[in-house]
Amino acid sequence: MKSYLGINWKVRIKSKIFWMAFIPAILFLCSKLLVLFGIVFDFTQIEERLLDIVGAVFSILVLLGVVVDPTTIGAGDSEQAQRYDELRGGE
Protein backbone atom coordinates (compact mmCIF):
# COMPACT_ATOMS: atom_id res chain seq x y z
CA MET A 1 0.00 0.00 0.00
CA LYS A 2 1.40 3.43 -0.88
CA SER A 3 2.58 5.56 2.03
CA TYR A 4 0.38 8.55 2.83
CA LEU A 5 1.92 11.28 4.99
CA GLY A 6 4.81 8.97 5.84
CA ILE A 7 2.56 6.28 7.34
CA ASN A 8 3.07 2.65 6.43
CA TRP A 9 -0.62 1.71 6.25
CA LYS A 10 0.09 -1.88 5.21
CA VAL A 11 1.87 -2.52 8.51
CA ARG A 12 -0.34 -0.25 10.59
CA ILE A 13 -3.61 -2.05 9.76
CA LYS A 14 -2.04 -5.29 10.97
CA SER A 15 -1.46 -3.78 14.43
CA LYS A 16 -3.89 -4.61 17.24
CA ILE A 17 -3.05 -1.30 18.88
CA PHE A 18 -4.14 0.56 15.75
CA TRP A 19 -7.54 -1.18 15.83
CA MET A 20 -7.89 -0.56 19.58
CA ALA A 21 -7.68 3.16 18.84
CA PHE A 22 -9.45 3.20 15.47
CA ILE A 23 -12.64 1.34 16.40
CA PRO A 24 -13.57 3.56 19.38
CA ALA A 25 -12.81 6.64 17.27
CA ILE A 26 -15.19 5.43 14.54
CA LEU A 27 -17.89 4.59 17.11
CA PHE A 28 -17.49 8.05 18.65
CA LEU A 29 -17.79 9.69 15.23
CA CYS A 30 -20.91 7.62 14.43
CA SER A 31 -22.54 8.55 17.73
CA LYS A 32 -21.92 12.26 17.03
CA LEU A 33 -23.33 11.92 13.51
CA LEU A 34 -26.46 10.22 14.88
CA VAL A 35 -26.97 13.14 17.28
CA LEU A 36 -27.03 15.46 14.26
CA PHE A 37 -30.01 13.49 12.98
CA GLY A 38 -31.77 13.53 16.35
CA ILE A 39 -30.95 9.96 17.33
CA VAL A 40 -29.61 9.77 20.89
CA PHE A 41 -28.57 6.61 22.73
CA ASP A 42 -27.99 6.29 26.46
CA PHE A 43 -24.64 4.54 26.73
CA THR A 44 -24.27 5.11 30.49
CA GLN A 45 -24.69 1.52 31.69
CA ILE A 46 -22.80 -0.03 28.78
CA GLU A 47 -20.02 2.51 29.13
CA GLU A 48 -19.61 1.86 32.86
CA ARG A 49 -19.41 -1.91 32.35
CA LEU A 50 -16.97 -1.62 29.45
CA LEU A 51 -14.77 0.77 31.43
CA ASP A 52 -14.73 -1.67 34.36
CA ILE A 53 -13.74 -4.56 32.08
CA VAL A 54 -11.08 -2.57 30.22
CA GLY A 55 -9.73 -1.22 33.51
CA ALA A 56 -9.45 -4.74 34.94
CA VAL A 57 -7.69 -6.06 31.83
CA PHE A 58 -5.19 -3.19 31.80
CA SER A 59 -4.58 -3.59 35.53
CA ILE A 60 -3.66 -7.23 34.97
CA LEU A 61 -1.38 -6.30 32.07
CA VAL A 62 0.33 -3.63 34.17
CA LEU A 63 0.83 -6.11 37.01
CA LEU A 64 2.40 -8.55 34.57
CA GLY A 65 4.67 -5.82 33.22
CA VAL A 66 3.39 -6.16 29.70
CA VAL A 67 4.37 -3.20 27.58
CA VAL A 68 3.97 -3.77 23.87
CA ASP A 69 6.50 -2.54 21.34
CA PRO A 70 4.40 -2.11 18.16
CA THR A 71 7.50 -2.56 15.99
CA THR A 72 7.97 -6.18 17.06
CA ILE A 73 5.83 -9.31 16.91
CA GLY A 74 4.25 -10.27 20.22
CA ALA A 75 4.86 -8.60 23.58
CA GLY A 76 8.66 -8.94 23.71
CA ASP A 77 11.29 -6.43 22.65
CA SER A 78 13.48 -6.92 19.60
CA GLU A 79 16.99 -8.28 20.07
CA GLN A 80 18.34 -4.79 19.36
CA ALA A 81 16.10 -3.20 22.00
CA GLN A 82 17.16 -5.80 24.56
CA ARG A 83 20.77 -4.61 24.18
CA TYR A 84 19.95 -0.99 25.13
CA ASP A 85 21.18 0.29 28.48
CA GLU A 86 19.06 3.45 28.34
CA LEU A 87 16.25 4.93 26.29
CA ARG A 88 17.11 6.00 22.78
CA GLY A 89 17.01 9.70 22.09
CA GLY A 90 18.46 10.57 25.50
CA GLU A 91 15.08 10.64 27.28
PDB file of N, CA and C in Angstrom:
ATOM      1  N   MET A   1       0.842  -1.172   0.000  1.00  0.00           N
ATOM      2  CA  MET A   1       0.000   0.000   0.000  1.00  0.00           C
ATOM      3  C   MET A   1       0.892   1.242   0.000  1.00  0.00           C
ATOM      4  N   LYS A   2       0.574   2.241  -0.772  1.00  0.00           N
ATOM      5  CA  LYS A   2       1.396   3.430  -0.875  1.00  0.00           C
ATOM      6  C   LYS A   2       1.331   4.250   0.411  1.00  0.00           C
ATOM      7  N   SER A   3       2.482   4.768   0.809  1.00  0.00           N
ATOM      8  CA  SER A   3       2.579   5.562   2.026  1.00  0.00           C
ATOM      9  C   SER A   3       1.864   6.894   1.848  1.00  0.00           C
ATOM     10  N   TYR A   4       1.070   7.270   2.830  1.00  0.00           N
ATOM     11  CA  TYR A   4       0.375   8.548   2.829  1.00  0.00           C
ATOM     12  C   TYR A   4       0.802   9.299   4.066  1.00  0.00           C
ATOM     13  N   LEU A   5       1.396  10.464   3.898  1.00  0.00           N
ATOM     14  CA  LEU A   5       1.919  11.279   4.994  1.00  0.00           C
ATOM     15  C   LEU A   5       2.968  10.536   5.804  1.00  0.00           C
ATOM     16  N   GLY A   6       3.740   9.684   5.152  1.00  0.00           N
ATOM     17  CA  GLY A   6       4.805   8.973   5.840  1.00  0.00           C
ATOM     18  C   GLY A   6       4.332   7.834   6.721  1.00  0.00           C
ATOM     19  N   ILE A   7       3.104   7.356   6.524  1.00  0.00           N
ATOM     20  CA  ILE A   7       2.560   6.279   7.341  1.00  0.00           C
ATOM     21  C   ILE A   7       2.533   4.999   6.520  1.00  0.00           C
ATOM     22  N   ASN A   8       3.075   3.942   7.076  1.00  0.00           N
ATOM     23  CA  ASN A   8       3.072   2.645   6.428  1.00  0.00           C
ATOM     24  C   ASN A   8       1.752   1.949   6.765  1.00  0.00           C
ATOM     25  N   TRP A   9       0.731   2.219   5.969  1.00  0.00           N
ATOM     26  CA  TRP A   9      -0.621   1.713   6.253  1.00  0.00           C
ATOM     27  C   TRP A   9      -0.693   0.201   6.200  1.00  0.00           C
ATOM     28  N   LYS A  10       0.101  -0.429   5.338  1.00  0.00           N
ATOM     29  CA  LYS A  10       0.087  -1.880   5.212  1.00  0.00           C
ATOM     30  C   LYS A  10       0.458  -2.534   6.543  1.00  0.00           C
ATOM     31  N   VAL A  11       1.446  -1.993   7.207  1.00  0.00           N
ATOM     32  CA  VAL A  11       1.867  -2.520   8.505  1.00  0.00           C
ATOM     33  C   VAL A  11       0.913  -2.060   9.603  1.00  0.00           C
ATOM     34  N   ARG A  12       0.494  -0.814   9.525  1.00  0.00           N
ATOM     35  CA  ARG A  12      -0.341  -0.255  10.590  1.00  0.00           C
ATOM     36  C   ARG A  12      -1.660  -1.000  10.742  1.00  0.00           C
ATOM     37  N   ILE A  13      -2.310  -1.381   9.639  1.00  0.00           N
ATOM     38  CA  ILE A  13      -3.610  -2.051   9.756  1.00  0.00           C
ATOM     39  C   ILE A  13      -3.483  -3.469  10.312  1.00  0.00           C
ATOM     40  N   LYS A  14      -2.269  -3.988  10.372  1.00  0.00           N
ATOM     41  CA  LYS A  14      -2.040  -5.295  10.974  1.00  0.00           C
ATOM     42  C   LYS A  14      -1.851  -5.204  12.492  1.00  0.00           C
ATOM     43  N   SER A  15      -1.741  -3.988  13.014  1.00  0.00           N
ATOM     44  CA  SER A  15      -1.462  -3.781  14.432  1.00  0.00           C
ATOM     45  C   SER A  15      -2.746  -3.796  15.261  1.00  0.00           C
ATOM     46  N   LYS A  16      -2.736  -4.581  16.334  1.00  0.00           N
ATOM     47  CA  LYS A  16      -3.886  -4.613  17.239  1.00  0.00           C
ATOM     48  C   LYS A  16      -4.073  -3.263  17.919  1.00  0.00           C
ATOM     49  N   ILE A  17      -2.986  -2.605  18.217  1.00  0.00           N
ATOM     50  CA  ILE A  17      -3.054  -1.299  18.882  1.00  0.00           C
ATOM     51  C   ILE A  17      -3.755  -0.281  17.984  1.00  0.00           C
ATOM     52  N   PHE A  18      -3.473  -0.336  16.689  1.00  0.00           N
ATOM     53  CA  PHE A  18      -4.144   0.558  15.746  1.00  0.00           C
ATOM     54  C   PHE A  18      -5.653   0.366  15.823  1.00  0.00           C
ATOM     55  N   TRP A  19      -6.101  -0.894  15.801  1.00  0.00           N
ATOM     56  CA  TRP A  19      -7.535  -1.179  15.834  1.00  0.00           C
ATOM     57  C   TRP A  19      -8.158  -0.812  17.178  1.00  0.00           C
ATOM     58  N   MET A  20      -7.382  -0.938  18.263  1.00  0.00           N
ATOM     59  CA  MET A  20      -7.894  -0.560  19.584  1.00  0.00           C
ATOM     60  C   MET A  20      -8.141   0.946  19.675  1.00  0.00           C
ATOM     61  N   ALA A  21      -7.448   1.713  18.876  1.00  0.00           N
ATOM     62  CA  ALA A  21      -7.677   3.159  18.842  1.00  0.00           C
ATOM     63  C   ALA A  21      -8.680   3.540  17.754  1.00  0.00           C
ATOM     64  N   PHE A  22      -8.622   2.852  16.622  1.00  0.00           N
ATOM     65  CA  PHE A  22      -9.447   3.202  15.469  1.00  0.00           C
ATOM     66  C   PHE A  22     -10.934   2.915  15.695  1.00  0.00           C
ATOM     67  N   ILE A  23     -11.240   1.730  16.222  1.00  0.00           N
ATOM     68  CA  ILE A  23     -12.641   1.337  16.396  1.00  0.00           C
ATOM     69  C   ILE A  23     -13.394   2.284  17.341  1.00  0.00           C
ATOM     70  N   PRO A  24     -12.852   2.597  18.527  1.00  0.00           N
ATOM     71  CA  PRO A  24     -13.573   3.561  19.376  1.00  0.00           C
ATOM     72  C   PRO A  24     -13.723   4.935  18.721  1.00  0.00           C
ATOM     73  N   ALA A  25     -12.713   5.338  17.949  1.00  0.00           N
ATOM     74  CA  ALA A  25     -12.811   6.636  17.269  1.00  0.00           C
ATOM     75  C   ALA A  25     -13.951   6.634  16.252  1.00  0.00           C
ATOM     76  N   ILE A  26     -14.103   5.543  15.516  1.00  0.00           N
ATOM     77  CA  ILE A  26     -15.191   5.431  14.537  1.00  0.00           C
ATOM     78  C   ILE A  26     -16.543   5.402  15.246  1.00  0.00           C
ATOM     79  N   LEU A  27     -16.638   4.650  16.348  1.00  0.00           N
ATOM     80  CA  LEU A  27     -17.889   4.591  17.107  1.00  0.00           C
ATOM     81  C   LEU A  27     -18.254   5.966  17.665  1.00  0.00           C
ATOM     82  N   PHE A  28     -17.263   6.696  18.146  1.00  0.00           N
ATOM     83  CA  PHE A  28     -17.493   8.048  18.652  1.00  0.00           C
ATOM     84  C   PHE A  28     -18.001   8.955  17.537  1.00  0.00           C
ATOM     85  N   LEU A  29     -17.363   8.879  16.369  1.00  0.00           N
ATOM     86  CA  LEU A  29     -17.786   9.685  15.226  1.00  0.00           C
ATOM     87  C   LEU A  29     -19.224   9.343  14.829  1.00  0.00           C
ATOM     88  N   CYS A  30     -19.543   8.048  14.787  1.00  0.00           N
ATOM     89  CA  CYS A  30     -20.909   7.620  14.428  1.00  0.00           C
ATOM     90  C   CYS A  30     -21.934   8.142  15.433  1.00  0.00           C
ATOM     91  N   SER A  31     -21.593   8.077  16.725  1.00  0.00           N
ATOM     92  CA  SER A  31     -22.545   8.553  17.731  1.00  0.00           C
ATOM     93  C   SER A  31     -22.792  10.055  17.573  1.00  0.00           C
ATOM     94  N   LYS A  32     -21.757  10.804  17.225  1.00  0.00           N
ATOM     95  CA  LYS A  32     -21.921  12.255  17.031  1.00  0.00           C
ATOM     96  C   LYS A  32     -22.730  12.546  15.766  1.00  0.00           C
ATOM     97  N   LEU A  33     -22.546  11.744  14.727  1.00  0.00           N
ATOM     98  CA  LEU A  33     -23.329  11.923  13.507  1.00  0.00           C
ATOM     99  C   LEU A  33     -24.799  11.593  13.751  1.00  0.00           C
ATOM    100  N   LEU A  34     -25.076  10.567  14.557  1.00  0.00           N
ATOM    101  CA  LEU A  34     -26.458  10.220  14.878  1.00  0.00           C
ATOM    102  C   LEU A  34     -27.148  11.342  15.650  1.00  0.00           C
ATOM    103  N   VAL A  35     -26.409  12.008  16.530  1.00  0.00           N
ATOM    104  CA  VAL A  35     -26.975  13.137  17.284  1.00  0.00           C
ATOM    105  C   VAL A  35     -27.409  14.241  16.324  1.00  0.00           C
ATOM    106  N   LEU A  36     -26.656  14.453  15.255  1.00  0.00           N
ATOM    107  CA  LEU A  36     -27.026  15.464  14.264  1.00  0.00           C
ATOM    108  C   LEU A  36     -28.388  15.173  13.638  1.00  0.00           C
ATOM    109  N   PHE A  37     -28.731  13.891  13.555  1.00  0.00           N
ATOM    110  CA  PHE A  37     -30.010  13.486  12.977  1.00  0.00           C
ATOM    111  C   PHE A  37     -31.080  13.232  14.034  1.00  0.00           C
ATOM    112  N   GLY A  38     -30.784  13.630  15.278  1.00  0.00           N
ATOM    113  CA  GLY A  38     -31.769  13.534  16.351  1.00  0.00           C
ATOM    114  C   GLY A  38     -31.881  12.163  16.989  1.00  0.00           C
ATOM    115  N   ILE A  39     -30.948  11.297  16.735  1.00  0.00           N
ATOM    116  CA  ILE A  39     -30.950   9.958  17.331  1.00  0.00           C
ATOM    117  C   ILE A  39     -29.960   9.961  18.494  1.00  0.00           C
ATOM    118  N   VAL A  40     -30.472   9.733  19.712  1.00  0.00           N
ATOM    119  CA  VAL A  40     -29.613   9.765  20.892  1.00  0.00           C
ATOM    120  C   VAL A  40     -29.746   8.442  21.641  1.00  0.00           C
ATOM    121  N   PHE A  41     -28.604   7.841  21.953  1.00  0.00           N
ATOM    122  CA  PHE A  41     -28.572   6.609  22.725  1.00  0.00           C
ATOM    123  C   PHE A  41     -28.019   6.899  24.109  1.00  0.00           C
ATOM    124  N   ASP A  42     -28.523   6.170  25.107  1.00  0.00           N
ATOM    125  CA  ASP A  42     -27.987   6.294  26.458  1.00  0.00           C
ATOM    126  C   ASP A  42     -26.985   5.162  26.665  1.00  0.00           C
ATOM    127  N   PHE A  43     -25.715   5.519  26.607  1.00  0.00           N
ATOM    128  CA  PHE A  43     -24.640   4.545  26.730  1.00  0.00           C
ATOM    129  C   PHE A  43     -24.119   4.426  28.159  1.00  0.00           C
ATOM    130  N   THR A  44     -24.788   5.029  29.125  1.00  0.00           N
ATOM    131  CA  THR A  44     -24.265   5.109  30.487  1.00  0.00           C
ATOM    132  C   THR A  44     -23.958   3.742  31.085  1.00  0.00           C
ATOM    133  N   GLN A  45     -24.914   2.833  31.070  1.00  0.00           N
ATOM    134  CA  GLN A  45     -24.691   1.519  31.685  1.00  0.00           C
ATOM    135  C   GLN A  45     -23.654   0.703  30.912  1.00  0.00           C
ATOM    136  N   ILE A  46     -23.760   0.711  29.602  1.00  0.00           N
ATOM    137  CA  ILE A  46     -22.805  -0.034  28.779  1.00  0.00           C
ATOM    138  C   ILE A  46     -21.405   0.543  28.963  1.00  0.00           C
ATOM    139  N   GLU A  47     -21.317   1.853  28.985  1.00  0.00           N
ATOM    140  CA  GLU A  47     -20.023   2.515  29.131  1.00  0.00           C
ATOM    141  C   GLU A  47     -19.369   2.170  30.468  1.00  0.00           C
ATOM    142  N   GLU A  48     -20.152   2.180  31.539  1.00  0.00           N
ATOM    143  CA  GLU A  48     -19.608   1.860  32.857  1.00  0.00           C
ATOM    144  C   GLU A  48     -19.086   0.428  32.905  1.00  0.00           C
ATOM    145  N   ARG A  49     -19.845  -0.505  32.358  1.00  0.00           N
ATOM    146  CA  ARG A  49     -19.410  -1.907  32.346  1.00  0.00           C
ATOM    147  C   ARG A  49     -18.160  -2.110  31.498  1.00  0.00           C
ATOM    148  N   LEU A  50     -18.145  -1.494  30.321  1.00  0.00           N
ATOM    149  CA  LEU A  50     -16.970  -1.621  29.453  1.00  0.00           C
ATOM    150  C   LEU A  50     -15.739  -1.014  30.107  1.00  0.00           C
ATOM    151  N   LEU A  51     -15.907   0.136  30.752  1.00  0.00           N
ATOM    152  CA  LEU A  51     -14.770   0.765  31.430  1.00  0.00           C
ATOM    153  C   LEU A  51     -14.249  -0.110  32.564  1.00  0.00           C
ATOM    154  N   ASP A  52     -15.150  -0.761  33.289  1.00  0.00           N
ATOM    155  CA  ASP A  52     -14.726  -1.674  34.357  1.00  0.00           C
ATOM    156  C   ASP A  52     -13.931  -2.850  33.789  1.00  0.00           C
ATOM    157  N   ILE A  53     -14.424  -3.420  32.695  1.00  0.00           N
ATOM    158  CA  ILE A  53     -13.736  -4.563  32.080  1.00  0.00           C
ATOM    159  C   ILE A  53     -12.377  -4.147  31.532  1.00  0.00           C
ATOM    160  N   VAL A  54     -12.341  -3.048  30.793  1.00  0.00           N
ATOM    161  CA  VAL A  54     -11.079  -2.571  30.220  1.00  0.00           C
ATOM    162  C   VAL A  54     -10.098  -2.222  31.333  1.00  0.00           C
ATOM    163  N   GLY A  55     -10.593  -1.564  32.377  1.00  0.00           N
ATOM    164  CA  GLY A  55      -9.727  -1.224  33.511  1.00  0.00           C
ATOM    165  C   GLY A  55      -9.135  -2.455  34.163  1.00  0.00           C
ATOM    166  N   ALA A  56      -9.939  -3.501  34.333  1.00  0.00           N
ATOM    167  CA  ALA A  56      -9.450  -4.743  34.939  1.00  0.00           C
ATOM    168  C   ALA A  56      -8.394  -5.399  34.056  1.00  0.00           C
ATOM    169  N   VAL A  57      -8.645  -5.450  32.757  1.00  0.00           N
ATOM    170  CA  VAL A  57      -7.686  -6.062  31.833  1.00  0.00           C
ATOM    171  C   VAL A  57      -6.364  -5.307  31.862  1.00  0.00           C
ATOM    172  N   PHE A  58      -6.430  -3.974  31.787  1.00  0.00           N
ATOM    173  CA  PHE A  58      -5.195  -3.192  31.801  1.00  0.00           C
ATOM    174  C   PHE A  58      -4.476  -3.291  33.139  1.00  0.00           C
ATOM    175  N   SER A  59      -5.213  -3.410  34.221  1.00  0.00           N
ATOM    176  CA  SER A  59      -4.582  -3.594  35.532  1.00  0.00           C
ATOM    177  C   SER A  59      -3.787  -4.890  35.569  1.00  0.00           C
ATOM    178  N   ILE A  60      -4.362  -5.945  35.019  1.00  0.00           N
ATOM    179  CA  ILE A  60      -3.662  -7.233  34.968  1.00  0.00           C
ATOM    180  C   ILE A  60      -2.410  -7.117  34.101  1.00  0.00           C
ATOM    181  N   LEU A  61      -2.542  -6.463  32.957  1.00  0.00           N
ATOM    182  CA  LEU A  61      -1.385  -6.303  32.074  1.00  0.00           C
ATOM    183  C   LEU A  61      -0.280  -5.488  32.735  1.00  0.00           C
ATOM    184  N   VAL A  62      -0.659  -4.441  33.466  1.00  0.00           N
ATOM    185  CA  VAL A  62       0.332  -3.634  34.169  1.00  0.00           C
ATOM    186  C   VAL A  62       1.018  -4.465  35.249  1.00  0.00           C
ATOM    187  N   LEU A  63       0.246  -5.250  35.982  1.00  0.00           N
ATOM    188  CA  LEU A  63       0.830  -6.109  37.013  1.00  0.00           C
ATOM    189  C   LEU A  63       1.812  -7.111  36.422  1.00  0.00           C
ATOM    190  N   LEU A  64       1.520  -7.587  35.236  1.00  0.00           N
ATOM    191  CA  LEU A  64       2.397  -8.549  34.572  1.00  0.00           C
ATOM    192  C   LEU A  64       3.591  -7.873  33.908  1.00  0.00           C
ATOM    193  N   GLY A  65       3.562  -6.551  33.837  1.00  0.00           N
ATOM    194  CA  GLY A  65       4.665  -5.821  33.223  1.00  0.00           C
ATOM    195  C   GLY A  65       4.647  -5.870  31.712  1.00  0.00           C
ATOM    196  N   VAL A  66       3.498  -6.065  31.147  1.00  0.00           N
ATOM    197  CA  VAL A  66       3.390  -6.161  29.696  1.00  0.00           C
ATOM    198  C   VAL A  66       3.330  -4.763  29.099  1.00  0.00           C
ATOM    199  N   VAL A  67       4.346  -4.443  28.337  1.00  0.00           N
ATOM    200  CA  VAL A  67       4.372  -3.201  27.578  1.00  0.00           C
ATOM    201  C   VAL A  67       4.697  -3.600  26.152  1.00  0.00           C
ATOM    202  N   VAL A  68       3.826  -3.279  25.241  1.00  0.00           N
ATOM    203  CA  VAL A  68       3.965  -3.766  23.869  1.00  0.00           C
ATOM    204  C   VAL A  68       4.748  -2.784  23.018  1.00  0.00           C
ATOM    205  N   ASP A  69       5.752  -3.303  22.336  1.00  0.00           N
ATOM    206  CA  ASP A  69       6.498  -2.539  21.340  1.00  0.00           C
ATOM    207  C   ASP A  69       5.842  -2.826  19.987  1.00  0.00           C
ATOM    208  N   PRO A  70       5.139  -1.840  19.392  1.00  0.00           N
ATOM    209  CA  PRO A  70       4.400  -2.108  18.157  1.00  0.00           C
ATOM    210  C   PRO A  70       5.287  -2.430  16.959  1.00  0.00           C
ATOM    211  N   THR A  71       6.607  -2.269  17.105  1.00  0.00           N
ATOM    212  CA  THR A  71       7.501  -2.560  15.987  1.00  0.00           C
ATOM    213  C   THR A  71       7.993  -4.005  15.995  1.00  0.00           C
ATOM    214  N   THR A  72       7.557  -4.788  16.990  1.00  0.00           N
ATOM    215  CA  THR A  72       7.968  -6.182  17.062  1.00  0.00           C
ATOM    216  C   THR A  72       6.735  -7.080  17.128  1.00  0.00           C
ATOM    217  N   ILE A  73       6.922  -8.348  16.829  1.00  0.00           N
ATOM    218  CA  ILE A  73       5.830  -9.315  16.909  1.00  0.00           C
ATOM    219  C   ILE A  73       5.701  -9.767  18.360  1.00  0.00           C
ATOM    220  N   GLY A  74       4.480  -9.822  18.851  1.00  0.00           N
ATOM    221  CA  GLY A  74       4.250 -10.270  20.223  1.00  0.00           C
ATOM    222  C   GLY A  74       4.499  -9.171  21.238  1.00  0.00           C
ATOM    223  N   ALA A  75       4.705  -9.569  22.500  1.00  0.00           N
ATOM    224  CA  ALA A  75       4.860  -8.599  23.575  1.00  0.00           C
ATOM    225  C   ALA A  75       6.313  -8.343  23.935  1.00  0.00           C
ATOM    226  N   GLY A  76       7.242  -9.102  23.380  1.00  0.00           N
ATOM    227  CA  GLY A  76       8.659  -8.939  23.714  1.00  0.00           C
ATOM    228  C   GLY A  76       9.309  -7.832  22.909  1.00  0.00           C
ATOM    229  N   ASP A  77      10.505  -7.433  23.377  1.00  0.00           N
ATOM    230  CA  ASP A  77      11.289  -6.435  22.646  1.00  0.00           C
ATOM    231  C   ASP A  77      12.155  -7.134  21.601  1.00  0.00           C
ATOM    232  N   SER A  78      12.581  -6.383  20.607  1.00  0.00           N
ATOM    233  CA  SER A  78      13.482  -6.923  19.596  1.00  0.00           C
ATOM    234  C   SER A  78      14.838  -7.198  20.234  1.00  0.00           C
ATOM    235  N   GLU A  79      15.651  -7.990  19.552  1.00  0.00           N
ATOM    236  CA  GLU A  79      16.993  -8.278  20.067  1.00  0.00           C
ATOM    237  C   GLU A  79      17.792  -6.993  20.224  1.00  0.00           C
ATOM    238  N   GLN A  80      17.625  -6.071  19.283  1.00  0.00           N
ATOM    239  CA  GLN A  80      18.338  -4.795  19.356  1.00  0.00           C
ATOM    240  C   GLN A  80      17.905  -4.012  20.592  1.00  0.00           C
ATOM    241  N   ALA A  81      16.599  -3.944  20.848  1.00  0.00           N
ATOM    242  CA  ALA A  81      16.098  -3.199  21.998  1.00  0.00           C
ATOM    243  C   ALA A  81      16.539  -3.830  23.315  1.00  0.00           C
ATOM    244  N   GLN A  82      16.718  -5.134  23.340  1.00  0.00           N
ATOM    245  CA  GLN A  82      17.161  -5.801  24.564  1.00  0.00           C
ATOM    246  C   GLN A  82      18.601  -5.454  24.911  1.00  0.00           C
ATOM    247  N   ARG A  83      19.373  -4.978  23.935  1.00  0.00           N
ATOM    248  CA  ARG A  83      20.767  -4.612  24.184  1.00  0.00           C
ATOM    249  C   ARG A  83      20.911  -3.177  24.693  1.00  0.00           C
ATOM    250  N   TYR A  84      19.846  -2.372  24.678  1.00  0.00           N
ATOM    251  CA  TYR A  84      19.946  -0.986  25.125  1.00  0.00           C
ATOM    252  C   TYR A  84      20.158  -0.918  26.631  1.00  0.00           C
ATOM    253  N   ASP A  85      20.988   0.035  27.055  1.00  0.00           N
ATOM    254  CA  ASP A  85      21.180   0.289  28.477  1.00  0.00           C
ATOM    255  C   ASP A  85      20.335   1.460  28.948  1.00  0.00           C
ATOM    256  N   GLU A  86      19.916   2.300  28.019  1.00  0.00           N
ATOM    257  CA  GLU A  86      19.059   3.447  28.343  1.00  0.00           C
ATOM    258  C   GLU A  86      18.172   3.737  27.154  1.00  0.00           C
ATOM    259  N   LEU A  87      17.181   4.597  27.368  1.00  0.00           N
ATOM    260  CA  LEU A  87      16.250   4.931  26.287  1.00  0.00           C
ATOM    261  C   LEU A  87      16.971   5.613  25.153  1.00  0.00           C
ATOM    262  N   ARG A  88      16.531   5.324  23.944  1.00  0.00           N
ATOM    263  CA  ARG A  88      17.107   6.002  22.778  1.00  0.00           C
ATOM    264  C   ARG A  88      16.608   7.415  22.724  1.00  0.00           C
ATOM    265  N   GLY A  89      17.400   8.304  22.196  1.00  0.00           N
ATOM    266  CA  GLY A  89      17.008   9.699  22.089  1.00  0.00           C
ATOM    267  C   GLY A  89      17.347  10.489  23.346  1.00  0.00           C
ATOM    268  N   GLY A  90      18.009   9.874  24.306  1.00  0.00           N
ATOM    269  CA  GLY A  90      18.461  10.573  25.501  1.00  0.00           C
ATOM    270  C   GLY A  90      17.361  10.943  26.474  1.00  0.00           C
ATOM    271  N   GLU A  91      16.189  10.309  26.377  1.00  0.00           N
ATOM    272  CA  GLU A  91      15.081  10.639  27.276  1.00  0.00           C
ATOM    273  C   GLU A  91      15.294  10.040  28.644  1.00  0.00           C
TER     274      GLU A  91
END
